[in-house]
Amino acid sequence: MKRCVWLLRLLPLVLVLVLAGGCARYKVTFTNQTTSTARGRPKHDQKTGTITFKDAKGNKQTVPAFSVESIEPY
């Protein structure tokens, strides 16, 4: 019984950590010095030479990898 209570107390903390981990934001800086905020880590597709990410509004963006100067946590 004590173990079950302990697990129930731990469950909200685990849920918060899991949900917060997927909400990371990244700052994508392009070679023309403009920036964009990405929700989640951008993915680099080496076959097509592109980087794909969701912008701050949740729209999927795909850009050529050569046009990206840096990707940093925000």
Protein backbone atom coordinates (compact mmCIF):
# COMPACT_ATOMS: atom_id res chain seq x y z
CA MET A 1 0.00 0.00 0.00
CA LYS A 2 2.80 2.44 0.85
CA ARG A 3 4.49 1.72 -2.45
CA CYS A 4 1.31 2.54 -4.38
CA VAL A 5 0.97 5.90 -2.59
CA TRP A 6 4.61 6.71 -3.34
CA LEU A 7 4.09 5.94 -7.04
CA LEU A 8 0.98 8.13 -7.19
CA ARG A 9 2.93 11.04 -5.72
CA LEU A 10 5.72 10.55 -8.23
CA LEU A 11 3.42 10.39 -11.27
CA PRO A 12 2.73 14.18 -11.59
CA LEU A 13 6.46 14.94 -11.47
CA VAL A 14 7.21 12.42 -14.20
CA LEU A 15 4.42 13.84 -16.38
CA VAL A 16 5.72 17.39 -16.00
CA LEU A 17 9.25 16.35 -16.95
CA VAL A 18 8.08 14.41 -20.00
CA LEU A 19 5.86 17.24 -21.25
CA ALA A 20 8.48 19.92 -20.61
CA GLY A 21 11.11 17.94 -22.51
CA GLY A 22 9.12 18.12 -25.74
CA CYS A 23 8.57 21.87 -25.51
CA ALA A 24 12.14 22.97 -26.11
CA ARG A 25 12.63 26.00 -28.33
CA TYR A 26 15.55 26.61 -30.65
CA LYS A 27 16.79 29.76 -32.35
CA VAL A 28 17.56 29.14 -36.02
CA THR A 29 19.86 31.78 -37.52
CA PHE A 30 20.10 31.96 -41.30
CA THR A 31 23.06 33.12 -43.38
CA ASN A 32 21.27 36.40 -44.16
CA GLN A 33 21.19 37.08 -40.36
CA THR A 34 17.42 36.60 -39.99
CA THR A 35 16.20 34.32 -37.23
CA SER A 36 13.30 32.00 -36.59
CA THR A 37 12.13 30.21 -33.44
CA ALA A 38 11.70 26.46 -33.75
CA ARG A 39 9.43 24.43 -31.48
CA GLY A 40 11.36 21.23 -30.84
CA ARG A 41 14.73 20.28 -32.22
CA PRO A 42 15.14 20.87 -35.97
CA LYS A 43 15.89 17.74 -38.02
CA HIS A 44 18.66 17.65 -40.61
CA ASP A 45 17.99 15.37 -43.60
CA GLN A 46 21.38 14.68 -45.16
CA LYS A 47 19.89 12.93 -48.21
CA THR A 48 17.96 16.00 -49.34
CA GLY A 49 20.24 18.61 -47.74
CA THR A 50 17.39 20.25 -45.84
CA ILE A 51 16.50 21.17 -42.28
CA THR A 52 12.90 20.76 -41.15
CA PHE A 53 11.31 22.32 -38.08
CA LYS A 54 8.03 23.71 -36.75
CA ASP A 55 8.05 27.47 -36.34
CA ALA A 56 6.60 29.40 -33.39
CA LYS A 57 3.10 29.22 -34.92
CA GLY A 58 3.33 25.45 -35.42
CA ASN A 59 3.80 25.56 -39.20
CA LYS A 60 6.23 23.06 -40.73
CA GLN A 61 9.21 24.79 -42.35
CA THR A 62 11.77 23.14 -44.64
CA VAL A 63 14.85 25.12 -45.61
CA PRO A 64 18.10 24.27 -47.41
CA ALA A 65 20.82 23.32 -44.92
CA PHE A 66 23.32 25.69 -46.56
CA SER A 67 21.09 28.65 -45.65
CA VAL A 68 21.27 27.88 -41.91
CA GLU A 69 24.18 29.41 -40.03
CA SER A 70 23.42 28.09 -36.54
CA ILE A 71 20.85 26.33 -34.36
CA GLU A 72 20.96 27.12 -30.64
CA PRO A 73 18.72 26.36 -27.66
CA TYR A 74 16.55 29.38 -26.91
